[in-house]
Amino acid sequence: PDWVAKKRDGGEIDNSNFYWMIHTHPDVQDFLIGLATEMCRNYDLDGIELDRIRYSSTQYGYDDYTDSLYRSEHNGNPPPENHNDPNWIRWRADKLNDFAARIYDSIKVANPKVNVSNAPSLYSSNTYTAYNSFCQDWVWWVNNNVVDNVQVQSYVGSAATFGNIIDYIGTLVQD
C-alpha cells in the first residue's frame, strides 16, 4: 500500500480504474529494475518496452513519499496545490528522467543487446502532451541516450496531420 500513487485529495484510482505505483520511490524503482534485468538476463529478449514510466496524470505525486522527498529538496515547503504548476511538473519529470536513466543503464548492464523502447503520447502537432499531461519527458530520454527508440502514439485521421506531428517531433529531438 505504501507504493500506491495518490492525488492531492488522496484518491488512488485513475480514470481507467488503474492503480499506479510511486515512480519516485526507490523500492518501486528497485523492484521494476529487478524485474526488467531478470528478464534480460534469463530470457532471449530482443527488446523491452517501458511505456509506463510516467504519471497517470499531473494530478498524481501527492503520496507521502513524494511529498516528503519534495519537502526535503525545497526547504520544507510542500508540493504546490496546483498540480499543473510548471515547476512541480518539471520536478516530477526530472525524477522520472533519473529513473529512466537508471533502468536503461541497468538493462544494458544485464544485456547490452536488448533494445529499450517507449511508446509515449503526443496527441497533436504542437503540444508536448507526454510532458504536459504525464510528466514524461521522453524528448530528454532521446536527447540523453537513455532510450534506444520511441514509438510516439499519434492517432490521427490524415497523412498531412501525421506529417505535421513528425515535423513537430523533429523540432524537439537533436540530430
Protein backbone atom coordinates (compact mmCIF):
# COMPACT_ATOMS: atom_id res chain seq x y z
CA PRO A 1 0.00 0.00 0.00
CA ASP A 2 2.87 2.45 0.58
CA TRP A 3 3.81 2.09 -3.10
CA VAL A 4 0.45 3.37 -4.40
CA ALA A 5 0.48 6.77 -6.09
CA LYS A 6 -2.01 9.32 -4.83
CA LYS A 7 -3.70 12.51 -5.92
CA ARG A 8 -3.92 15.59 -3.74
CA ASP A 9 -7.36 14.51 -2.48
CA GLY A 10 -5.96 11.10 -1.51
CA GLY A 11 -7.54 9.34 -4.49
CA GLU A 12 -5.63 6.38 -5.86
CA ILE A 13 -7.59 5.05 -8.84
CA ASP A 14 -7.19 6.82 -12.18
CA ASN A 15 -9.81 7.39 -14.90
CA SER A 16 -9.10 3.94 -16.37
CA ASN A 17 -9.73 2.28 -12.99
CA PHE A 18 -5.99 1.55 -12.51
CA TYR A 19 -3.69 1.97 -9.55
CA TRP A 20 -0.22 3.39 -10.22
CA MET A 21 3.00 2.85 -8.33
CA ILE A 22 5.05 5.75 -6.99
CA HIS A 23 7.83 6.12 -9.55
CA THR A 24 9.90 8.33 -7.22
CA HIS A 25 10.00 5.63 -4.52
CA PRO A 26 13.37 3.83 -4.50
CA ASP A 27 11.77 0.49 -3.54
CA VAL A 28 9.40 0.74 -6.52
CA GLN A 29 12.28 1.61 -8.82
CA ASP A 30 14.43 -1.23 -7.49
CA PHE A 31 11.54 -3.68 -7.89
CA LEU A 32 10.87 -2.64 -11.51
CA ILE A 33 14.58 -2.59 -12.35
CA GLY A 34 14.92 -6.04 -10.80
CA LEU A 35 12.07 -7.39 -12.95
CA ALA A 36 13.47 -5.89 -16.13
CA THR A 37 17.04 -7.03 -15.53
CA GLU A 38 15.94 -10.52 -14.52
CA MET A 39 14.06 -10.83 -17.80
CA CYS A 40 17.05 -9.50 -19.75
CA ARG A 41 19.47 -11.93 -18.07
CA ASN A 42 17.30 -15.03 -18.17
CA TYR A 43 15.38 -14.83 -21.44
CA ASP A 44 16.31 -14.35 -25.07
CA LEU A 45 14.70 -10.94 -25.49
CA ASP A 46 15.10 -8.60 -28.42
CA GLY A 47 13.67 -5.65 -26.53
CA ILE A 48 11.72 -4.32 -23.62
CA GLU A 49 9.01 -1.64 -23.66
CA LEU A 50 8.94 0.86 -20.78
CA ASP A 51 5.66 2.57 -21.63
CA ARG A 52 4.55 3.37 -18.08
CA ILE A 53 7.44 5.45 -16.77
CA ARG A 54 5.10 8.38 -16.35
CA TYR A 55 2.37 9.62 -14.10
CA SER A 56 -1.25 8.69 -14.79
CA SER A 57 -1.83 12.43 -14.90
CA THR A 58 -0.35 15.55 -13.35
CA GLN A 59 -2.86 15.10 -10.53
CA TYR A 60 -0.55 12.43 -9.06
CA GLY A 61 2.54 12.94 -6.91
CA TYR A 62 0.83 13.74 -3.61
CA ASP A 63 1.63 10.47 -1.83
CA ASP A 64 3.53 10.62 1.47
CA TYR A 65 6.86 9.53 -0.03
CA THR A 66 6.88 12.06 -2.90
CA ASP A 67 5.60 14.81 -0.61
CA SER A 68 8.43 14.12 1.84
CA LEU A 69 11.05 13.98 -0.93
CA TYR A 70 9.83 17.27 -2.38
CA ARG A 71 9.90 18.94 1.05
CA SER A 72 13.43 17.67 1.68
CA GLU A 73 14.59 19.34 -1.53
CA HIS A 74 12.57 22.57 -1.08
CA ASN A 75 13.36 23.83 2.43
CA GLY A 76 10.38 22.05 3.96
CA ASN A 77 7.86 23.59 1.56
CA PRO A 78 5.06 21.27 0.43
CA PRO A 79 4.36 20.46 -3.21
CA PRO A 80 2.24 23.10 -4.96
CA GLU A 81 -1.52 22.74 -4.59
CA ASN A 82 -1.87 23.36 -8.33
CA HIS A 83 -0.92 20.03 -9.91
CA ASN A 84 -0.13 21.83 -13.19
CA ASP A 85 2.36 24.23 -11.63
CA PRO A 86 5.24 24.33 -14.19
CA ASN A 87 7.96 23.91 -11.57
CA TRP A 88 6.10 20.98 -9.98
CA ILE A 89 5.75 19.31 -13.39
CA ARG A 90 9.47 19.88 -14.08
CA TRP A 91 10.48 18.43 -10.70
CA ARG A 92 8.40 15.27 -11.22
CA ALA A 93 9.61 14.92 -14.80
CA ASP A 94 13.22 15.19 -13.62
CA LYS A 95 12.61 12.40 -11.10
CA LEU A 96 11.20 10.23 -13.90
CA ASN A 97 14.21 11.14 -16.05
CA ASP A 98 16.51 9.91 -13.29
CA PHE A 99 14.53 6.66 -13.09
CA ALA A 100 14.54 6.22 -16.87
CA ALA A 101 18.32 6.60 -16.89
CA ARG A 102 18.73 4.13 -14.01
CA ILE A 103 16.57 1.44 -15.58
CA TYR A 104 18.17 1.92 -19.02
CA ASP A 105 21.68 1.60 -17.61
CA SER A 106 20.67 -1.44 -15.54
CA ILE A 107 19.13 -3.18 -18.55
CA LYS A 108 22.20 -2.50 -20.68
CA VAL A 109 24.47 -3.96 -17.98
CA ALA A 110 22.27 -7.07 -17.80
CA ASN A 111 22.17 -7.45 -21.59
CA PRO A 112 23.62 -4.75 -23.85
CA LYS A 113 21.82 -6.15 -26.91
CA VAL A 114 18.30 -5.58 -25.55
CA ASN A 115 16.50 -2.73 -27.30
CA VAL A 116 14.92 -0.38 -24.75
CA SER A 117 11.88 1.41 -26.15
CA ASN A 118 8.94 3.52 -25.07
CA ALA A 119 5.59 4.47 -26.59
CA PRO A 120 4.95 7.96 -25.19
CA SER A 121 1.96 10.09 -26.03
CA LEU A 122 1.84 13.06 -28.36
CA TYR A 123 -1.68 13.85 -29.48
CA SER A 124 -1.14 16.97 -31.56
CA SER A 125 1.34 18.63 -33.83
CA ASN A 126 2.09 21.47 -31.43
CA THR A 127 1.83 20.18 -27.86
CA TYR A 128 4.27 18.06 -25.89
CA THR A 129 1.42 16.10 -24.31
CA ALA A 130 3.56 13.43 -22.66
CA TYR A 131 5.35 16.09 -20.63
CA ASN A 132 2.42 18.45 -20.00
CA SER A 133 -0.07 15.74 -19.07
CA PHE A 134 2.05 12.91 -17.64
CA CYS A 135 5.40 14.49 -16.62
CA GLN A 136 7.01 12.10 -19.14
CA ASP A 137 9.93 13.90 -20.75
CA TRP A 138 10.75 11.35 -23.46
CA VAL A 139 12.48 14.02 -25.53
CA TRP A 140 15.07 14.29 -22.74
CA TRP A 141 15.42 10.49 -22.85
CA VAL A 142 16.09 10.54 -26.61
CA ASN A 143 18.45 13.50 -26.42
CA ASN A 144 20.36 11.96 -23.49
CA ASN A 145 20.53 8.39 -24.85
CA VAL A 146 18.50 6.67 -22.12
CA VAL A 147 16.13 5.02 -24.60
CA ASP A 148 17.01 3.27 -27.85
CA ASN A 149 13.84 4.30 -29.67
CA VAL A 150 10.36 5.66 -29.20
CA GLN A 151 7.12 4.94 -31.00
CA VAL A 152 5.20 8.14 -30.38
CA GLN A 153 1.47 7.50 -30.10
CA SER A 154 -0.17 9.52 -32.85
CA TYR A 155 -3.83 8.84 -33.50
CA VAL A 156 -4.72 10.98 -36.49
CA GLY A 157 -7.03 10.86 -39.48
CA SER A 158 -4.85 12.16 -42.29
CA ALA A 159 -1.38 11.88 -43.73
CA ALA A 160 -1.00 15.67 -43.55
CA THR A 161 -1.71 15.71 -39.81
CA PHE A 162 0.73 12.86 -39.28
CA GLY A 163 3.33 14.77 -41.30
CA ASN A 164 2.82 17.81 -39.06
CA ILE A 165 3.40 15.63 -35.99
CA ILE A 166 6.61 14.23 -37.48
CA ASP A 167 7.77 17.78 -38.26
CA TYR A 168 6.99 18.87 -34.69
CA ILE A 169 8.88 15.92 -33.23
CA GLY A 170 11.82 16.92 -35.41
CA THR A 171 11.92 20.27 -33.62
CA LEU A 172 12.11 18.52 -30.24
CA VAL A 173 14.86 15.95 -30.70
CA GLN A 174 18.51 16.56 -31.50
CA ASP A 175 20.02 15.16 -34.68
